[in-house]
Amino acid sequence: MVAWNKKRINQKEYCISDLDKRITIYSRSILAPSTGSSDYEENFDVKTKVFAAVITKTGKTIFDDSNIERNVTHEIIIRYIDGITVEAWIDINDKRFDLIRVENINEKNRWLKLSCSKRGLNTSKTNFA
């Protein structure tokens, strides 16, 4: 009779001491035009400030969403927060990062891995939204 050995799935665990950078997560929403106007407005709110592990990616990690290539420059690990989506963006030391993908690691609601693309400094108007 053959004995089967159970193999555990690669468990990704992080330690609280790895979260050494303070980041701010902003949410973005679009507001309907006010009366007499045809312009939609974007609203930016601070969702939360948290500690995170920031990992700089070397090489290229590219995702193809509707034929748009996005280069992942950083991965950010944070404690699980419900409601974080790719509509949010991150501020680290006055630098903006767009979220490309949000991964609930092992679906345990303990850790989130945020794949990000560096957008630039907050001082540039083109990098604001």
N, C-alpha and C. Protein backbone atom coordinates (compact mmCIF):
# COMPACT_ATOMS: atom_id res chain seq x y z
N MET A 1 0.83 -1.17 0.00
CA MET A 1 0.00 0.00 0.00
C MET A 1 0.89 1.25 0.00
N VAL A 2 0.51 2.24 -0.80
CA VAL A 2 1.28 3.48 -0.93
C VAL A 2 0.89 4.43 0.20
N ALA A 3 1.87 4.98 0.85
CA ALA A 3 1.62 5.97 1.91
C ALA A 3 1.73 7.36 1.29
N TRP A 4 0.69 8.15 1.46
CA TRP A 4 0.68 9.51 0.93
C TRP A 4 1.10 10.48 2.03
N ASN A 5 2.01 11.34 1.68
CA ASN A 5 2.44 12.38 2.62
C ASN A 5 1.72 13.67 2.26
N LYS A 6 1.11 14.26 3.24
CA LYS A 6 0.44 15.53 3.00
C LYS A 6 1.49 16.64 2.95
N LYS A 7 1.38 17.49 1.96
CA LYS A 7 2.28 18.64 1.86
C LYS A 7 1.48 19.89 2.17
N ARG A 8 2.04 20.71 3.01
CA ARG A 8 1.37 21.96 3.33
C ARG A 8 1.65 22.98 2.24
N ILE A 9 0.69 23.81 1.99
CA ILE A 9 0.86 24.91 1.04
C ILE A 9 1.87 25.88 1.62
N ASN A 10 2.66 26.47 0.75
CA ASN A 10 3.65 27.45 1.19
C ASN A 10 2.96 28.56 1.98
N GLN A 11 3.21 28.59 3.26
CA GLN A 11 2.59 29.58 4.14
C GLN A 11 3.43 30.85 4.16
N LYS A 12 2.82 31.98 3.85
CA LYS A 12 3.51 33.26 3.88
C LYS A 12 3.14 33.95 5.18
N GLU A 13 4.08 34.12 6.04
CA GLU A 13 3.83 34.79 7.31
C GLU A 13 4.82 35.92 7.47
N TYR A 14 4.37 36.95 8.12
CA TYR A 14 5.21 38.11 8.37
C TYR A 14 5.19 38.38 9.87
N CYS A 15 6.13 39.14 10.31
CA CYS A 15 6.26 39.49 11.71
C CYS A 15 5.93 40.98 11.86
N ILE A 16 5.30 41.34 12.95
CA ILE A 16 4.95 42.74 13.19
C ILE A 16 6.19 43.63 13.12
N SER A 17 7.33 43.12 13.56
CA SER A 17 8.55 43.94 13.53
C SER A 17 9.02 44.24 12.11
N ASP A 18 8.51 43.50 11.10
CA ASP A 18 8.85 43.79 9.70
C ASP A 18 8.17 45.07 9.22
N LEU A 19 7.09 45.47 9.87
CA LEU A 19 6.32 46.64 9.45
C LEU A 19 6.95 47.88 10.06
N ASP A 20 7.93 48.45 9.35
CA ASP A 20 8.74 49.52 9.92
C ASP A 20 8.55 50.88 9.25
N LYS A 21 7.71 50.99 8.26
CA LYS A 21 7.48 52.27 7.57
C LYS A 21 6.03 52.72 7.83
N ARG A 22 5.86 54.00 8.04
CA ARG A 22 4.52 54.57 8.24
C ARG A 22 4.00 55.02 6.88
N ILE A 23 2.84 54.52 6.47
CA ILE A 23 2.25 54.90 5.18
C ILE A 23 0.84 55.43 5.41
N THR A 24 0.36 56.19 4.43
CA THR A 24 -1.01 56.69 4.46
C THR A 24 -1.73 56.13 3.25
N ILE A 25 -2.90 55.55 3.49
CA ILE A 25 -3.72 55.01 2.41
C ILE A 25 -4.88 55.97 2.21
N TYR A 26 -5.03 56.44 0.97
CA TYR A 26 -6.11 57.35 0.61
C TYR A 26 -7.16 56.60 -0.19
N SER A 27 -8.40 56.96 0.03
CA SER A 27 -9.47 56.41 -0.81
C SER A 27 -9.84 57.49 -1.82
N ARG A 28 -10.34 57.06 -2.96
CA ARG A 28 -10.69 57.97 -4.03
C ARG A 28 -12.14 57.69 -4.42
N SER A 29 -12.92 58.74 -4.53
CA SER A 29 -14.30 58.58 -4.98
C SER A 29 -14.63 59.70 -5.95
N ILE A 30 -15.56 59.44 -6.83
CA ILE A 30 -15.99 60.44 -7.81
C ILE A 30 -17.35 60.97 -7.39
N LEU A 31 -17.44 62.29 -7.29
CA LEU A 31 -18.68 62.94 -6.88
C LEU A 31 -19.45 63.41 -8.11
N ALA A 32 -20.75 63.26 -8.05
CA ALA A 32 -21.61 63.73 -9.15
C ALA A 32 -21.49 65.25 -9.26
N PRO A 33 -21.69 65.77 -10.47
CA PRO A 33 -21.58 67.23 -10.64
C PRO A 33 -22.64 67.96 -9.83
N SER A 34 -22.26 69.11 -9.32
CA SER A 34 -23.23 69.93 -8.58
C SER A 34 -24.18 70.58 -9.58
N THR A 35 -25.25 71.11 -9.08
CA THR A 35 -26.27 71.74 -9.93
C THR A 35 -25.65 72.85 -10.77
N GLY A 36 -25.90 72.82 -12.06
CA GLY A 36 -25.39 73.83 -12.96
C GLY A 36 -23.99 73.54 -13.49
N SER A 37 -23.43 72.41 -13.14
CA SER A 37 -22.10 72.06 -13.60
C SER A 37 -22.14 70.70 -14.28
N SER A 38 -21.23 70.49 -15.22
CA SER A 38 -21.16 69.19 -15.89
C SER A 38 -19.87 68.45 -15.54
N ASP A 39 -19.08 69.02 -14.65
CA ASP A 39 -17.79 68.43 -14.29
C ASP A 39 -17.92 67.55 -13.03
N TYR A 40 -17.46 66.32 -13.17
CA TYR A 40 -17.39 65.44 -12.01
C TYR A 40 -16.19 65.83 -11.17
N GLU A 41 -16.26 65.60 -9.88
CA GLU A 41 -15.15 65.94 -8.99
C GLU A 41 -14.63 64.67 -8.34
N GLU A 42 -13.31 64.64 -8.14
CA GLU A 42 -12.72 63.53 -7.40
C GLU A 42 -12.57 63.95 -5.95
N ASN A 43 -12.87 63.04 -5.06
CA ASN A 43 -12.76 63.30 -3.64
C ASN A 43 -11.72 62.35 -3.06
N PHE A 44 -10.75 62.89 -2.33
CA PHE A 44 -9.68 62.08 -1.73
C PHE A 44 -9.79 62.18 -0.22
N ASP A 45 -9.92 61.03 0.42
CA ASP A 45 -10.01 60.98 1.88
C ASP A 45 -8.92 60.08 2.42
N VAL A 46 -8.38 60.45 3.57
CA VAL A 46 -7.42 59.57 4.24
C VAL A 46 -8.22 58.40 4.79
N LYS A 47 -7.93 57.22 4.28
CA LYS A 47 -8.62 56.03 4.79
C LYS A 47 -7.99 55.60 6.10
N THR A 48 -6.67 55.51 6.11
CA THR A 48 -6.00 55.10 7.33
C THR A 48 -4.49 55.34 7.23
N LYS A 49 -3.86 55.44 8.37
CA LYS A 49 -2.40 55.48 8.46
C LYS A 49 -1.97 54.22 9.17
N VAL A 50 -1.05 53.48 8.57
CA VAL A 50 -0.64 52.19 9.13
C VAL A 50 0.87 52.01 8.98
N PHE A 51 1.38 51.03 9.70
CA PHE A 51 2.77 50.62 9.52
C PHE A 51 2.81 49.53 8.47
N ALA A 52 3.90 49.52 7.66
CA ALA A 52 3.99 48.58 6.55
C ALA A 52 5.44 48.17 6.32
N ALA A 53 5.57 47.04 5.64
CA ALA A 53 6.87 46.61 5.12
C ALA A 53 6.88 46.98 3.65
N VAL A 54 7.87 47.74 3.22
CA VAL A 54 7.95 48.18 1.84
C VAL A 54 9.10 47.43 1.17
N ILE A 55 8.77 46.72 0.10
CA ILE A 55 9.76 45.90 -0.61
C ILE A 55 9.91 46.47 -2.01
N THR A 56 11.12 46.88 -2.36
CA THR A 56 11.40 47.38 -3.70
C THR A 56 11.62 46.18 -4.62
N LYS A 57 10.91 46.17 -5.74
CA LYS A 57 11.01 45.07 -6.69
C LYS A 57 12.09 45.39 -7.72
N THR A 58 12.95 44.41 -7.98
CA THR A 58 13.93 44.56 -9.04
C THR A 58 13.41 43.79 -10.24
N GLY A 59 13.83 44.20 -11.40
CA GLY A 59 13.29 43.58 -12.61
C GLY A 59 11.91 44.12 -12.89
N LYS A 60 11.14 43.38 -13.66
CA LYS A 60 9.81 43.85 -14.03
C LYS A 60 8.76 42.82 -13.68
N THR A 61 7.68 43.30 -13.08
CA THR A 61 6.49 42.50 -12.88
C THR A 61 5.38 43.27 -13.56
N ILE A 62 4.86 42.75 -14.65
CA ILE A 62 3.90 43.49 -15.46
C ILE A 62 2.57 42.75 -15.49
N PHE A 63 1.49 43.49 -15.29
CA PHE A 63 0.15 42.94 -15.38
C PHE A 63 -0.51 43.48 -16.63
N ASP A 64 -1.35 42.72 -17.24
CA ASP A 64 -2.05 43.15 -18.44
C ASP A 64 -3.53 43.22 -18.13
N ASP A 65 -4.02 44.41 -17.89
CA ASP A 65 -5.43 44.64 -17.64
C ASP A 65 -5.98 45.44 -18.82
N SER A 66 -6.77 44.82 -19.65
CA SER A 66 -7.34 45.49 -20.82
C SER A 66 -6.25 46.09 -21.70
N ASN A 67 -5.22 45.31 -21.95
CA ASN A 67 -4.11 45.70 -22.82
C ASN A 67 -3.31 46.90 -22.31
N ILE A 68 -3.31 47.10 -20.99
CA ILE A 68 -2.52 48.17 -20.41
C ILE A 68 -1.46 47.51 -19.54
N GLU A 69 -0.20 47.80 -19.81
CA GLU A 69 0.88 47.21 -19.03
C GLU A 69 1.24 48.15 -17.89
N ARG A 70 1.35 47.60 -16.69
CA ARG A 70 1.72 48.37 -15.51
C ARG A 70 2.92 47.73 -14.85
N ASN A 71 3.92 48.49 -14.59
CA ASN A 71 5.15 48.00 -13.98
C ASN A 71 5.03 48.08 -12.46
N VAL A 72 5.19 46.95 -11.77
CA VAL A 72 5.17 46.92 -10.31
C VAL A 72 6.56 47.29 -9.81
N THR A 73 6.65 48.39 -9.07
CA THR A 73 7.94 48.84 -8.55
C THR A 73 8.11 48.52 -7.07
N HIS A 74 7.01 48.35 -6.35
CA HIS A 74 7.07 48.09 -4.91
C HIS A 74 5.96 47.12 -4.50
N GLU A 75 6.25 46.31 -3.50
CA GLU A 75 5.23 45.52 -2.83
C GLU A 75 5.18 46.00 -1.39
N ILE A 76 3.98 46.20 -0.90
CA ILE A 76 3.79 46.71 0.45
C ILE A 76 2.96 45.70 1.22
N ILE A 77 3.45 45.31 2.39
CA ILE A 77 2.76 44.36 3.24
C ILE A 77 2.19 45.11 4.43
N ILE A 78 0.88 44.95 4.67
CA ILE A 78 0.23 45.59 5.81
C ILE A 78 -0.67 44.56 6.50
N ARG A 79 -1.09 44.88 7.72
CA ARG A 79 -2.09 44.06 8.39
C ARG A 79 -3.38 44.18 7.59
N TYR A 80 -4.21 43.17 7.63
CA TYR A 80 -5.45 43.14 6.85
C TYR A 80 -6.36 44.30 7.24
N ILE A 81 -6.86 45.00 6.23
CA ILE A 81 -7.87 46.05 6.41
C ILE A 81 -8.95 45.76 5.38
N ASP A 82 -10.17 45.64 5.83
CA ASP A 82 -11.28 45.37 4.92
C ASP A 82 -11.56 46.62 4.07
N GLY A 83 -11.83 46.42 2.79
CA GLY A 83 -12.24 47.51 1.93
C GLY A 83 -11.14 48.18 1.14
N ILE A 84 -9.91 47.73 1.24
CA ILE A 84 -8.82 48.29 0.43
C ILE A 84 -8.97 47.74 -0.99
N THR A 85 -9.05 48.62 -1.98
CA THR A 85 -9.18 48.22 -3.38
C THR A 85 -8.15 48.95 -4.22
N VAL A 86 -8.08 48.62 -5.50
CA VAL A 86 -7.14 49.28 -6.40
C VAL A 86 -7.54 50.73 -6.68
N GLU A 87 -8.70 51.15 -6.22
CA GLU A 87 -9.10 52.55 -6.36
C GLU A 87 -8.35 53.44 -5.38
N ALA A 88 -7.77 52.85 -4.35
CA ALA A 88 -7.03 53.62 -3.35
C ALA A 88 -5.62 53.91 -3.88
N TRP A 89 -4.90 54.78 -3.21
CA TRP A 89 -3.49 55.02 -3.51
C TRP A 89 -2.77 55.29 -2.21
N ILE A 90 -1.46 55.21 -2.26
CA ILE A 90 -0.64 55.23 -1.06
C ILE A 90 0.36 56.38 -1.10
N ASP A 91 0.61 56.97 0.05
CA ASP A 91 1.60 58.03 0.21
C ASP A 91 2.66 57.52 1.18
N ILE A 92 3.92 57.49 0.71
CA ILE A 92 5.05 57.12 1.57
C ILE A 92 6.09 58.23 1.46
N ASN A 93 6.30 58.96 2.53
CA ASN A 93 7.29 60.05 2.54
C ASN A 93 7.09 61.02 1.38
N ASP A 94 5.87 61.47 1.17
CA ASP A 94 5.52 62.43 0.11
C ASP A 94 5.73 61.89 -1.29
N LYS A 95 5.71 60.58 -1.46
CA LYS A 95 5.75 59.95 -2.77
C LYS A 95 4.47 59.15 -2.94
N ARG A 96 3.89 59.22 -4.12
CA ARG A 96 2.62 58.56 -4.39
C ARG A 96 2.83 57.24 -5.12
N PHE A 97 1.99 56.26 -4.75
CA PHE A 97 2.03 54.94 -5.34
C PHE A 97 0.61 54.53 -5.73
N ASP A 98 0.44 54.10 -6.97
CA ASP A 98 -0.85 53.56 -7.43
C ASP A 98 -0.93 52.09 -7.07
N LEU A 99 -2.09 51.64 -6.64
CA LEU A 99 -2.29 50.22 -6.38
C LEU A 99 -2.65 49.52 -7.68
N ILE A 100 -1.97 48.42 -7.96
CA ILE A 100 -2.25 47.63 -9.15
C ILE A 100 -3.00 46.37 -8.77
N ARG A 101 -2.63 45.80 -7.63
CA ARG A 101 -3.30 44.58 -7.18
C ARG A 101 -3.28 44.53 -5.66
N VAL A 102 -4.38 44.03 -5.08
CA VAL A 102 -4.49 43.84 -3.64
C VAL A 102 -4.70 42.35 -3.40
N GLU A 103 -3.80 41.73 -2.63
CA GLU A 103 -3.88 40.29 -2.39
C GLU A 103 -4.04 40.01 -0.90
N ASN A 104 -5.11 39.31 -0.54
CA ASN A 104 -5.32 38.83 0.82
C ASN A 104 -4.51 37.55 0.95
N ILE A 105 -3.35 37.62 1.58
CA ILE A 105 -2.42 36.49 1.60
C ILE A 105 -3.05 35.29 2.30
N ASN A 106 -3.08 34.18 1.57
CA ASN A 106 -3.65 32.91 2.03
C ASN A 106 -5.12 33.00 2.43
N GLU A 107 -5.80 34.09 2.07
CA GLU A 107 -7.22 34.29 2.37
C GLU A 107 -7.53 34.10 3.85
N LYS A 108 -6.60 34.52 4.71
CA LYS A 108 -6.78 34.38 6.15
C LYS A 108 -7.16 35.68 6.84
N ASN A 109 -7.28 36.76 6.08
CA ASN A 109 -7.60 38.08 6.64
C ASN A 109 -6.61 38.51 7.73
N ARG A 110 -5.33 38.18 7.50
CA ARG A 110 -4.28 38.60 8.43
C ARG A 110 -3.36 39.63 7.79
N TRP A 111 -3.00 39.40 6.50
CA TRP A 111 -2.03 40.25 5.82
C TRP A 111 -2.55 40.61 4.43
N LEU A 112 -2.23 41.82 3.98
CA LEU A 112 -2.50 42.24 2.60
C LEU A 112 -1.17 42.53 1.92
N LYS A 113 -1.04 42.07 0.69
CA LYS A 113 0.11 42.44 -0.14
C LYS A 113 -0.41 43.37 -1.22
N LEU A 114 0.11 44.59 -1.23
CA LEU A 114 -0.29 45.61 -2.18
C LEU A 114 0.80 45.75 -3.23
N SER A 115 0.50 45.37 -4.46
CA SER A 115 1.44 45.55 -5.56
C SER A 115 1.22 46.96 -6.10
N CYS A 116 2.30 47.76 -6.13
CA CYS A 116 2.17 49.18 -6.43
C CYS A 116 3.12 49.62 -7.54
N SER A 117 2.77 50.72 -8.14
CA SER A 117 3.60 51.38 -9.13
C SER A 117 3.89 52.79 -8.63
N LYS A 118 5.17 53.15 -8.58
CA LYS A 118 5.53 54.48 -8.11
C LYS A 118 5.07 55.53 -9.09
N ARG A 119 4.36 56.52 -8.58
CA ARG A 119 3.80 57.56 -9.44
C ARG A 119 4.67 58.81 -9.45
N GLY A 120 5.20 59.19 -8.31
CA GLY A 120 6.07 60.37 -8.26
C GLY A 120 5.86 61.17 -6.99
N LEU A 121 6.44 62.36 -6.96
CA LEU A 121 6.37 63.22 -5.78
C LEU A 121 5.03 63.93 -5.70
N ASN A 122 4.62 64.25 -4.47
CA ASN A 122 3.37 64.98 -4.25
C ASN A 122 3.42 66.41 -4.77
N THR A 123 4.60 66.95 -4.96
CA THR A 123 4.72 68.34 -5.38
C THR A 123 4.32 68.55 -6.84
N SER A 124 4.29 67.49 -7.62
CA SER A 124 3.90 67.61 -9.03
C SER A 124 2.40 67.44 -9.17
N LYS A 125 1.72 68.41 -9.78
CA LYS A 125 0.26 68.35 -9.96
C LYS A 125 -0.16 67.14 -10.77
N THR A 126 0.66 66.71 -11.72
CA THR A 126 0.28 65.57 -12.57
C THR A 126 0.26 64.28 -11.78
N ASN A 127 0.95 64.20 -10.66
CA ASN A 127 0.99 62.98 -9.85
C ASN A 127 -0.04 62.97 -8.74
N PHE A 128 -0.86 64.00 -8.66
CA PHE A 128 -1.77 64.11 -7.53
C PHE A 128 -2.88 63.09 -7.49
N ALA A 129 -3.48 62.74 -8.58
CA ALA A 129 -4.65 61.86 -8.52
C ALA A 129 -4.34 60.47 -8.83
